[in-house]
Amino acid sequence: MQAAKTDSHSTDTAQSPVRPVEGDAMSRTRESLDDVRSATRDLVHNGAAAVREGAGMLETRVREGAGQIEARVRDGAGSIEETATRVADRTATYVQEQPLKSLAFAAGTGALIAILAGMATRR
């Protein structure tokens, strides 16, 4: 009977509540995990804010670049328009001053185009 009491005593010890030292380690572990979670949350929040800020800066630079390109295209289109107007004016003046030469030149150009078109269709 004595042996039975000893066995029940040893099982009672195994089922006893967690020792204070082990409970302390669990508390510290939980605190550490909470600190890690908090730091991770802060890092994600700050990272997201940095990404938003960077995206805003990038958008601003893209808009500025697009504005500069648009201005250059507008300037180029204006320049082309001015050049085309000058060429058209010169051509009109030449045709008025030299109508026979202009007619001969136009006829020669037309004949050359007809010959080239005929050659291209035969192939």
Protein backbone atom coordinates (compact mmCIF):
# COMPACT_ATOMS: atom_id res chain seq x y z
CA MET A 1 0.00 0.00 0.00
CA GLN A 2 2.80 2.27 0.71
CA ALA A 3 4.04 1.87 -2.87
CA ALA A 4 0.63 2.87 -4.23
CA LYS A 5 0.75 6.08 -2.23
CA THR A 6 4.20 6.88 -3.54
CA ASP A 7 3.06 6.35 -7.14
CA SER A 8 0.03 8.60 -6.70
CA HIS A 9 2.22 11.24 -5.10
CA SER A 10 4.65 11.24 -8.05
CA THR A 11 1.78 11.63 -10.55
CA ASP A 12 0.35 14.51 -8.55
CA THR A 13 3.67 16.30 -8.87
CA ALA A 14 3.72 15.78 -12.65
CA GLN A 15 0.24 17.31 -12.97
CA SER A 16 0.95 20.25 -10.71
CA PRO A 17 0.55 23.79 -12.12
CA VAL A 18 3.37 25.43 -14.11
CA ARG A 19 6.26 26.47 -11.99
CA PRO A 20 6.74 30.23 -11.50
CA VAL A 21 9.99 30.24 -13.48
CA GLU A 22 8.29 28.64 -16.49
CA GLY A 23 5.36 31.07 -16.20
CA ASP A 24 7.82 33.97 -16.19
CA ALA A 25 9.49 32.68 -19.36
CA MET A 26 6.09 32.40 -21.07
CA SER A 27 5.22 35.95 -20.03
CA ARG A 28 8.50 37.27 -21.39
CA THR A 29 7.97 35.30 -24.60
CA ARG A 30 4.48 36.76 -25.00
CA GLU A 31 5.83 40.25 -24.36
CA SER A 32 8.58 39.69 -26.93
CA LEU A 33 6.04 38.49 -29.47
CA ASP A 34 3.86 41.51 -28.76
CA ASP A 35 6.90 43.76 -29.27
CA VAL A 36 7.68 42.02 -32.56
CA ARG A 37 4.06 42.39 -33.71
CA SER A 38 4.06 46.06 -32.77
CA ALA A 39 7.38 46.71 -34.50
CA THR A 40 6.16 44.86 -37.59
CA ARG A 41 2.94 46.88 -37.63
CA ASP A 42 4.96 50.11 -37.36
CA LEU A 43 7.34 48.98 -40.08
CA VAL A 44 4.47 48.12 -42.45
CA HIS A 45 2.71 51.41 -41.68
CA ASN A 46 5.89 53.45 -42.19
CA GLY A 47 6.79 51.46 -45.31
CA ALA A 48 3.33 52.06 -46.79
CA ALA A 49 3.62 55.77 -46.02
CA ALA A 50 7.04 55.88 -47.69
CA VAL A 51 5.70 54.07 -50.76
CA ARG A 52 2.76 56.50 -50.98
CA GLU A 53 5.12 59.45 -50.68
CA GLY A 54 7.47 58.01 -53.30
CA ALA A 55 4.56 57.32 -55.64
CA GLY A 56 3.36 60.90 -55.19
CA MET A 57 6.80 62.26 -56.01
CA LEU A 58 7.05 59.98 -59.05
CA GLU A 59 3.61 61.07 -60.25
CA THR A 60 4.65 64.71 -59.93
CA ARG A 61 7.84 64.11 -61.94
CA VAL A 62 5.93 62.20 -64.63
CA ARG A 63 3.36 65.00 -64.91
CA GLU A 64 6.12 67.61 -65.17
CA GLY A 65 7.92 65.55 -67.84
CA ALA A 66 4.69 65.05 -69.77
CA GLY A 67 4.05 68.81 -69.60
CA GLN A 68 7.52 69.53 -70.97
CA ILE A 69 7.06 67.01 -73.79
CA GLU A 70 3.67 68.48 -74.63
CA ALA A 71 5.17 71.98 -74.79
CA ARG A 72 7.99 70.78 -77.06
CA VAL A 73 5.53 69.00 -79.36
CA ARG A 74 3.38 72.12 -79.51
CA ASP A 75 6.46 74.23 -80.34
CA GLY A 76 7.54 71.70 -82.98
CA ALA A 77 4.06 71.61 -84.52
CA GLY A 78 4.03 75.40 -84.64
CA SER A 79 7.43 75.41 -86.30
CA ILE A 80 6.34 72.81 -88.88
CA GLU A 81 3.19 74.79 -89.58
CA GLU A 82 5.22 77.97 -90.13
CA THR A 83 7.61 76.13 -92.47
CA ALA A 84 4.73 74.59 -94.44
CA THR A 85 3.08 78.00 -94.79
CA ARG A 86 6.33 79.55 -96.07
CA VAL A 87 6.85 76.72 -98.59
CA ALA A 88 3.24 76.99 -99.78
CA ASP A 89 3.60 80.78 -100.18
CA ARG A 90 6.86 80.39 -102.12
CA THR A 91 5.31 77.72 -104.35
CA ALA A 92 2.28 79.91 -105.06
CA THR A 93 4.53 82.86 -105.85
CA TYR A 94 6.70 80.74 -108.18
CA VAL A 95 3.64 79.34 -110.01
CA GLN A 96 2.29 82.89 -110.48
CA GLU A 97 5.63 84.20 -111.71
CA GLN A 98 6.57 81.15 -113.87
CA PRO A 99 3.31 79.51 -115.03
CA LEU A 100 4.79 77.69 -118.07
CA LYS A 101 7.79 76.31 -116.16
CA SER A 102 5.45 75.21 -113.37
CA LEU A 103 3.18 73.46 -115.87
CA ALA A 104 6.12 71.69 -117.55
CA PHE A 105 7.52 70.64 -114.19
CA ALA A 106 4.12 69.28 -113.08
CA ALA A 107 3.68 67.38 -116.36
CA GLY A 108 7.18 65.86 -116.11
CA THR A 109 6.59 64.83 -112.51
CA GLY A 110 3.24 63.26 -113.46
CA ALA A 111 4.81 61.33 -116.34
CA LEU A 112 7.60 60.03 -114.09
CA ILE A 113 5.07 58.85 -111.50
CA ALA A 114 3.03 57.10 -114.24
CA ILE A 115 6.12 55.29 -115.56
CA LEU A 116 7.15 54.16 -112.06
CA ALA A 117 3.61 52.99 -111.28
CA GLY A 118 3.48 51.06 -114.55
CA MET A 119 6.79 49.36 -113.79
CA ALA A 120 5.64 48.45 -110.27
CA THR A 121 2.42 46.84 -111.50
CA ARG A 122 4.22 44.70 -114.11
CA ARG A 123 6.36 42.95 -111.49
